[in-house]
Amino acid sequence: MTSAGRTPRSPLPPRATLLFYTDGLIEIPGTDLDIGLRRLRRHAAALACHALDDFCDQVLARMPPGTADDVALLAVRIPAVSE
């Protein structure tokens, strides 16, 4: 929080996708979490132009199975100015 009691904000650009996920999506036992994060970033960037439902399906399909840990994925796309 800032000294005025407000949290700084950064607006997202139109058509940006905000992805929330649980650690089960990126964790693979015996590997560094950074490897899973890089893999997720790479796949998300490659799929950014896809429709949101296809984006989520493809992200889940492209990530390697890690553990028996649960996986949750929530994606929000910022509408374009004309939408």
Foldseek 3Di string as FASTA:
>chain_A
DDPVPDDDDDDDAALDKDKDKDQQQQDAPPDDSVVSVVQLVVLLVVCSVPDPVVSVVSSSVRGDRHDPDDMDMDMDGHHHPVD
